[in-house]
Amino acid sequence: PELRKVFEGARIRRQNGKGTLLFVDEIHRFNKSQQDAFLPVVEDGTITLIGATTENPSFELNAALLSRCQVFVLKRLDDAALEKLLQRAEDEAGQPLPLTPDARETLKAMADGDGRYSLTMAEQVYANGLMLDPESLMSLVNRRAPLYDKSDDGHYNLISALHKSVRGSDPDAALYWFARMLAGGEDARFIARRMTRMAVEDIGLADPQALPQCIAAWETFERLGSPEGELALAQALVYLATAPKSNAVYTAYKASVVAARETGSLMPPKHILNAPTKLMKAEGYGGGYQYDHDTPEAFSGQDYFPEAMGRTQFYDPPERGFEREIRKRLEYWAKLRAQRG
């Protein structure tokens, strides 16, 4: 209803030769149907829309609305910009901030690129009235919590940075993003779950101990809680980052899923099926099956794929970590399979 009133007023102003500039703060909070309401009035020029959001517009705004707008990304303020804001505050107040040079730099560092926060701190400093050094400044305003939204982009950006640091074998970067997430109030259990995923997705059988390391760290955290249990997670994180990397099992599984979808109606070969009835035996079920333990090297070399499909290789282990040994085994079995037909 409120939007309709605004749009109607804009149409009347347009008839009188006047334009309407509409600023919408936190535009990502509008649902899909509400965002759709902007389309006709934006498209025909009834309003000029300016929408502000702290979220990624590609995810939060309708594609139709986004295509009719130009996106401007506002960067965090650097030290020079924060200094200008503080100087403007001093001009407005008519007196300099009672801060030592080091304390002034500390204030800008604590603002962490947020101009509004720097001005809020400046107000507190003026209200205090006493000359402050860095230590007394931090005692006065308390160190702000890092800018981090556990439910939106900040959450996904930092866990992505953590995951990619582990995948890139950089334990120092991994520890940094881990500490950033904890400082921002992230649930350590969420990080533990993601670490377990890293163990199977990015390390796999190149180091089979990666997964139990994560499970053990997770269980340790559940027993000790925070902050003591966080050290166990940090230890497992370093283990993951320094472990040999392989996504061979991950890619093999993905490929097998595709193959299963494409050939989902094919039956297993008859020789590996049980034959509990005479009719099934007469049909050839179970016929010719070889019990591998009764064969040389406990390897018969039989084909276990559907007859219409034939052997397909999904898993191709690299020459890294424990998978180097696995590759030797597979090559040996492939040689035996070829010899035994």
Protein backbone atom coordinates (compact mmCIF):
# COMPACT_ATOMS: atom_id res chain seq x y z
CA PRO A 1 0.00 0.00 0.00
CA GLU A 2 2.77 2.46 0.87
CA LEU A 3 4.54 1.78 -2.41
CA ARG A 4 1.35 2.33 -4.38
CA LYS A 5 0.93 5.74 -2.73
CA VAL A 6 4.51 6.66 -3.58
CA PHE A 7 4.10 5.52 -7.19
CA GLU A 8 0.81 7.40 -7.59
CA GLY A 9 2.38 10.57 -6.23
CA ALA A 10 5.29 10.11 -8.64
CA ARG A 11 2.90 9.81 -11.58
CA ILE A 12 1.16 13.05 -10.60
CA ARG A 13 4.52 14.86 -10.31
CA ARG A 14 5.54 13.50 -13.68
CA GLN A 15 2.38 14.93 -15.26
CA ASN A 16 3.45 18.29 -13.86
CA GLY A 17 6.88 17.94 -15.41
CA LYS A 18 8.67 16.91 -12.20
CA GLY A 19 10.69 13.79 -11.56
CA THR A 20 10.81 11.57 -8.46
CA LEU A 21 13.99 10.22 -6.92
CA LEU A 22 13.12 7.29 -4.62
CA PHE A 23 15.74 6.05 -2.17
CA VAL A 24 15.07 2.61 -0.66
CA ASP A 25 17.37 1.52 2.15
CA GLU A 26 17.92 -2.22 2.73
CA ILE A 27 16.15 -2.99 -0.54
CA HIS A 28 17.06 -6.67 -0.18
CA ARG A 29 14.41 -6.92 2.53
CA PHE A 30 11.67 -6.51 -0.09
CA ASN A 31 10.29 -9.86 -1.23
CA LYS A 32 10.00 -10.90 -4.88
CA SER A 33 6.49 -9.56 -5.46
CA GLN A 34 7.40 -6.24 -3.80
CA GLN A 35 10.48 -5.93 -5.99
CA ASP A 36 8.35 -6.71 -9.05
CA ALA A 37 6.21 -3.68 -8.21
CA PHE A 38 9.16 -1.41 -9.01
CA LEU A 39 9.55 -2.73 -12.56
CA PRO A 40 6.89 -0.73 -14.47
CA VAL A 41 7.61 2.61 -12.77
CA VAL A 42 11.37 2.17 -13.20
CA GLU A 43 10.99 1.08 -16.79
CA ASP A 44 8.73 3.96 -17.86
CA GLY A 45 10.76 6.57 -15.96
CA THR A 46 8.08 7.43 -13.38
CA ILE A 47 10.72 7.12 -10.67
CA THR A 48 14.47 7.06 -10.50
CA LEU A 49 15.25 4.29 -8.03
CA ILE A 50 18.26 4.23 -5.74
CA GLY A 51 18.42 1.08 -3.65
CA ALA A 52 20.99 0.49 -0.92
CA THR A 53 21.90 -2.95 0.36
CA THR A 54 24.64 -4.56 2.39
CA GLU A 55 24.07 -7.85 0.58
CA ASN A 56 25.15 -9.14 -2.81
CA PRO A 57 22.51 -7.76 -5.22
CA SER A 58 23.05 -10.68 -7.60
CA PHE A 59 21.60 -12.97 -4.94
CA GLU A 60 19.08 -10.70 -3.25
CA LEU A 61 17.45 -8.76 -6.12
CA ASN A 62 15.28 -10.03 -8.94
CA ALA A 63 17.16 -10.43 -12.19
CA ALA A 64 14.54 -8.30 -13.98
CA LEU A 65 14.98 -5.39 -11.57
CA LEU A 66 18.75 -5.76 -11.54
CA SER A 67 18.88 -5.63 -15.34
CA ARG A 68 17.16 -2.23 -15.28
CA CYS A 69 19.59 -0.75 -12.76
CA GLN A 70 23.25 0.11 -12.61
CA VAL A 71 25.18 -1.39 -9.72
CA PHE A 72 27.70 0.71 -7.80
CA VAL A 73 29.86 -1.03 -5.20
CA LEU A 74 30.74 1.19 -2.24
CA LYS A 75 34.09 0.20 -0.81
CA ARG A 76 35.03 0.35 2.86
CA LEU A 77 36.63 3.65 3.80
CA ASP A 78 40.41 3.74 3.90
CA ASP A 79 42.47 5.64 6.48
CA ALA A 80 42.55 8.80 4.37
CA ALA A 81 38.76 8.89 4.08
CA LEU A 82 38.32 8.20 7.79
CA GLU A 83 40.74 11.03 8.56
CA LYS A 84 38.62 13.41 6.46
CA LEU A 85 35.53 12.41 8.44
CA LEU A 86 37.30 13.04 11.74
CA GLN A 87 38.50 16.43 10.51
CA ARG A 88 34.93 17.35 9.55
CA ALA A 89 33.79 16.29 13.01
CA GLU A 90 36.47 18.54 14.52
CA ASP A 91 35.38 21.44 12.30
CA GLU A 92 31.78 20.92 13.40
CA ALA A 93 32.76 20.71 17.08
CA GLY A 94 35.14 23.65 16.84
CA GLN A 95 37.92 21.82 18.65
CA PRO A 96 40.32 18.94 17.97
CA LEU A 97 39.65 15.47 19.28
CA PRO A 98 41.45 14.94 22.61
CA LEU A 99 43.54 12.07 21.27
CA THR A 100 47.26 11.44 21.08
CA PRO A 101 48.54 10.80 17.53
CA ASP A 102 48.75 7.07 18.27
CA ALA A 103 45.24 7.06 19.71
CA ARG A 104 43.93 8.79 16.60
CA GLU A 105 45.40 6.00 14.46
CA THR A 106 43.91 3.44 16.85
CA LEU A 107 40.47 4.99 16.46
CA LYS A 108 40.67 4.68 12.68
CA ALA A 109 41.84 1.09 12.95
CA MET A 110 38.98 0.25 15.31
CA ALA A 111 36.48 1.78 12.87
CA ASP A 112 37.49 -0.96 10.41
CA GLY A 113 36.39 1.07 7.38
CA ASP A 114 33.03 2.10 8.87
CA GLY A 115 32.57 5.88 8.74
CA ARG A 116 29.46 5.90 10.88
CA TYR A 117 31.22 3.97 13.62
CA SER A 118 34.21 6.33 13.56
CA LEU A 119 31.89 9.32 14.12
CA THR A 120 30.10 7.50 16.94
CA MET A 121 33.45 6.90 18.64
CA ALA A 122 34.40 10.55 18.09
CA GLU A 123 31.24 11.60 19.94
CA GLN A 124 32.22 9.39 22.88
CA VAL A 125 35.72 10.86 22.91
CA TYR A 126 34.34 14.41 22.98
CA ALA A 127 31.90 13.49 25.73
CA ASN A 128 34.74 12.08 27.83
CA GLY A 129 36.73 15.31 27.51
CA LEU A 130 40.08 13.89 28.64
CA MET A 131 43.18 13.38 26.53
CA LEU A 132 43.30 9.70 25.58
CA ASP A 133 46.14 7.39 24.59
CA PRO A 134 45.45 4.13 22.68
CA GLU A 135 44.92 2.05 25.81
CA SER A 136 42.51 4.49 27.46
CA LEU A 137 40.66 4.94 24.15
CA MET A 138 40.03 1.22 23.85
CA SER A 139 38.96 1.10 27.46
CA LEU A 140 36.48 3.92 26.81
CA VAL A 141 34.76 2.64 23.69
CA ASN A 142 35.56 -1.09 23.87
CA ARG A 143 36.89 -2.83 20.82
CA ARG A 144 34.11 -3.31 18.33
CA ALA A 145 33.19 -6.80 17.17
CA PRO A 146 34.50 -7.48 13.67
CA LEU A 147 32.09 -6.76 10.84
CA TYR A 148 30.60 -10.19 10.25
CA ASP A 149 27.05 -11.30 9.57
CA LYS A 150 26.58 -14.95 10.46
CA SER A 151 23.51 -15.28 8.28
CA ASP A 152 24.47 -13.42 5.10
CA ASP A 153 27.41 -12.59 2.84
CA GLY A 154 29.99 -12.25 5.62
CA HIS A 155 29.25 -15.80 6.71
CA TYR A 156 29.70 -17.26 3.23
CA ASN A 157 32.65 -15.07 2.26
CA LEU A 158 34.74 -16.07 5.26
CA ILE A 159 33.96 -19.79 5.18
CA SER A 160 34.81 -19.71 1.47
CA ALA A 161 38.13 -18.01 2.29
CA LEU A 162 38.82 -20.63 4.97
CA HIS A 163 38.00 -23.53 2.65
CA LYS A 164 40.11 -22.19 -0.22
CA SER A 165 43.05 -21.54 2.13
CA VAL A 166 42.98 -25.18 3.22
CA ARG A 167 42.62 -26.37 -0.38
CA GLY A 168 45.58 -24.15 -1.29
CA SER A 169 47.74 -25.70 1.49
CA ASP A 170 48.17 -22.42 3.38
CA PRO A 171 47.86 -23.15 7.13
CA ASP A 172 48.58 -19.54 8.11
CA ALA A 173 45.75 -18.11 6.01
CA ALA A 174 43.46 -20.89 7.21
CA LEU A 175 44.17 -20.04 10.85
CA TYR A 176 43.57 -16.34 10.15
CA TRP A 177 40.11 -16.90 8.63
CA PHE A 178 39.29 -19.40 11.37
CA ALA A 179 40.12 -16.78 14.00
CA ARG A 180 38.15 -14.12 12.10
CA MET A 181 35.05 -16.31 12.06
CA LEU A 182 35.28 -17.12 15.76
CA ALA A 183 35.85 -13.45 16.62
CA GLY A 184 32.70 -12.64 14.65
CA GLY A 185 30.64 -15.05 16.73
CA GLU A 186 30.45 -17.95 14.26
CA ASP A 187 29.33 -21.29 15.70
CA ALA A 188 32.44 -23.46 15.93
CA ARG A 189 30.29 -26.49 15.10
CA PHE A 190 29.53 -25.01 11.69
CA ILE A 191 33.27 -24.69 11.06
CA ALA A 192 33.82 -28.26 12.28
CA ARG A 193 31.21 -29.54 9.82
CA ARG A 194 32.86 -27.64 6.96
CA MET A 195 36.28 -28.98 7.95
CA THR A 196 34.91 -32.51 7.80
CA ARG A 197 33.68 -31.77 4.30
CA MET A 198 37.15 -30.48 3.38
CA ALA A 199 38.68 -33.74 4.59
CA VAL A 200 36.62 -35.84 2.19
CA GLU A 201 36.31 -33.36 -0.68
CA ASP A 202 39.82 -31.91 -0.96
CA ILE A 203 42.08 -34.47 0.72
CA GLY A 204 40.24 -37.77 0.49
CA LEU A 205 42.38 -40.87 0.33
CA ALA A 206 45.57 -38.91 -0.27
CA ASP A 207 45.62 -38.87 3.54
CA PRO A 208 42.97 -41.18 5.07
CA GLN A 209 43.78 -39.76 8.52
CA ALA A 210 42.35 -36.35 7.61
CA LEU A 211 38.77 -37.45 8.25
CA PRO A 212 39.38 -39.04 11.68
CA GLN A 213 41.43 -35.97 12.64
CA CYS A 214 38.38 -33.78 11.96
CA ILE A 215 35.95 -36.09 13.73
CA ALA A 216 38.26 -36.28 16.76
CA ALA A 217 38.63 -32.48 16.85
CA TRP A 218 34.86 -32.06 16.59
CA GLU A 219 34.28 -34.52 19.45
CA THR A 220 36.96 -32.79 21.51
CA PHE A 221 35.23 -29.45 21.02
CA GLU A 222 31.91 -30.98 22.11
CA ARG A 223 33.58 -32.24 25.30
CA LEU A 224 35.63 -29.14 26.15
CA GLY A 225 33.48 -26.38 24.68
CA SER A 226 34.78 -22.88 23.97
CA PRO A 227 37.45 -21.60 24.15
CA GLU A 228 39.50 -24.70 25.05
CA GLY A 229 37.99 -26.87 22.34
CA GLU A 230 38.81 -24.34 19.65
CA LEU A 231 42.46 -25.38 19.85
CA ALA A 232 41.50 -28.90 18.76
CA LEU A 233 39.76 -27.45 15.71
CA ALA A 234 42.78 -25.26 14.96
CA GLN A 235 45.04 -28.31 15.17
CA ALA A 236 42.84 -30.26 12.76
CA LEU A 237 42.72 -27.24 10.47
CA VAL A 238 46.52 -27.13 10.25
CA TYR A 239 46.52 -30.88 9.58
CA LEU A 240 44.10 -30.39 6.69
CA ALA A 241 46.05 -27.49 5.22
CA THR A 242 49.34 -29.40 5.31
CA ALA A 243 47.96 -32.74 4.11
CA PRO A 244 48.46 -33.91 0.50
CA LYS A 245 45.46 -32.87 -1.60
CA SER A 246 43.25 -34.95 -3.86
CA ASN A 247 39.72 -34.63 -5.15
CA ALA A 248 39.88 -37.95 -6.99
CA VAL A 249 37.18 -39.62 -4.88
CA TYR A 250 35.00 -36.51 -5.09
CA THR A 251 35.18 -36.34 -8.88
CA ALA A 252 34.78 -40.12 -9.18
CA TYR A 253 31.61 -40.01 -7.11
CA LYS A 254 30.19 -37.14 -9.18
CA ALA A 255 30.91 -39.04 -12.40
CA SER A 256 29.33 -42.22 -11.03
CA VAL A 257 26.18 -40.29 -10.11
CA VAL A 258 25.86 -39.04 -13.68
CA ALA A 259 26.41 -42.55 -15.06
CA ALA A 260 23.86 -44.03 -12.64
CA ARG A 261 21.22 -41.53 -13.77
CA GLU A 262 21.87 -42.27 -17.42
CA THR A 263 21.83 -46.08 -17.03
CA GLY A 264 19.45 -46.49 -14.11
CA SER A 265 17.43 -49.31 -15.67
CA LEU A 266 20.33 -51.70 -16.36
CA MET A 267 20.44 -54.90 -14.29
CA PRO A 268 23.60 -56.26 -12.66
CA PRO A 269 25.25 -59.09 -14.63
CA LYS A 270 23.63 -62.43 -13.88
CA HIS A 271 26.78 -64.09 -12.57
CA ILE A 272 26.89 -61.83 -9.49
CA LEU A 273 23.19 -62.23 -8.65
CA ASN A 274 21.93 -64.79 -6.16
CA ALA A 275 19.78 -67.66 -7.45
CA PRO A 276 17.49 -68.73 -4.58
CA THR A 277 15.06 -70.60 -6.89
CA LYS A 278 15.46 -73.33 -9.52
CA LEU A 279 13.94 -71.07 -12.13
CA MET A 280 16.53 -68.38 -11.49
CA LYS A 281 19.33 -70.96 -11.67
CA ALA A 282 17.89 -72.17 -14.97
CA GLU A 283 17.94 -68.58 -16.21
CA GLY A 284 21.64 -68.39 -15.46
CA TYR A 285 21.56 -66.34 -12.27
CA GLY A 286 24.72 -66.90 -10.24
CA GLY A 287 26.26 -69.03 -12.97
CA GLY A 288 30.00 -68.71 -13.37
CA TYR A 289 30.52 -66.54 -10.31
CA GLN A 290 34.00 -66.85 -8.85
CA TYR A 291 34.56 -66.43 -5.13
CA ASP A 292 37.53 -64.07 -5.09
CA HIS A 293 39.06 -65.52 -1.93
CA ASP A 294 39.41 -68.86 -3.72
CA THR A 295 41.37 -67.33 -6.60
CA PRO A 296 45.10 -66.48 -6.84
CA GLU A 297 45.88 -63.14 -5.20
CA ALA A 298 42.22 -63.16 -3.99
CA PHE A 299 41.35 -61.44 -7.26
CA SER A 300 39.21 -63.02 -9.95
CA GLY A 301 39.12 -60.10 -12.38
CA GLN A 302 35.40 -60.51 -13.04
CA ASP A 303 33.29 -57.74 -14.52
CA TYR A 304 30.74 -56.31 -12.10
CA PHE A 305 29.20 -53.64 -14.34
CA PRO A 306 25.94 -54.10 -16.25
CA GLU A 307 26.58 -56.12 -19.41
CA ALA A 308 25.27 -53.34 -21.65
CA MET A 309 27.52 -50.80 -19.99
CA GLY A 310 30.93 -52.41 -19.73
CA ARG A 311 33.78 -51.42 -17.44
CA THR A 312 34.00 -47.70 -16.76
CA GLN A 313 36.75 -45.95 -14.82
CA PHE A 314 35.50 -43.30 -12.41
CA TYR A 315 38.33 -43.29 -9.87
CA ASP A 316 41.74 -42.17 -11.08
CA PRO A 317 43.99 -41.62 -8.04
CA PRO A 318 46.91 -39.20 -8.43
CA GLU A 319 50.52 -39.87 -7.53
CA ARG A 320 50.16 -38.11 -4.18
CA GLY A 321 50.08 -39.26 -0.60
CA PHE A 322 48.48 -42.60 0.18
CA GLU A 323 46.76 -42.62 -3.21
CA ARG A 324 50.16 -43.34 -4.74
CA GLU A 325 49.93 -46.76 -3.07
CA ILE A 326 46.29 -47.17 -4.11
CA ARG A 327 47.25 -46.43 -7.71
CA LYS A 328 49.87 -49.20 -7.61
CA ARG A 329 47.22 -51.65 -6.42
CA LEU A 330 44.77 -50.65 -9.15
CA GLU A 331 47.45 -50.96 -11.82
CA TYR A 332 48.41 -54.40 -10.50
CA TRP A 333 44.78 -55.57 -10.54
CA ALA A 334 44.31 -54.14 -14.03
CA LYS A 335 47.29 -56.22 -15.17
CA LEU A 336 45.84 -59.37 -13.60
CA ARG A 337 42.43 -58.63 -15.13
CA ALA A 338 43.99 -58.35 -18.57
CA GLN A 339 45.89 -61.63 -18.09
CA ARG A 340 42.79 -63.52 -16.99
CA GLY A 341 40.56 -62.13 -19.70
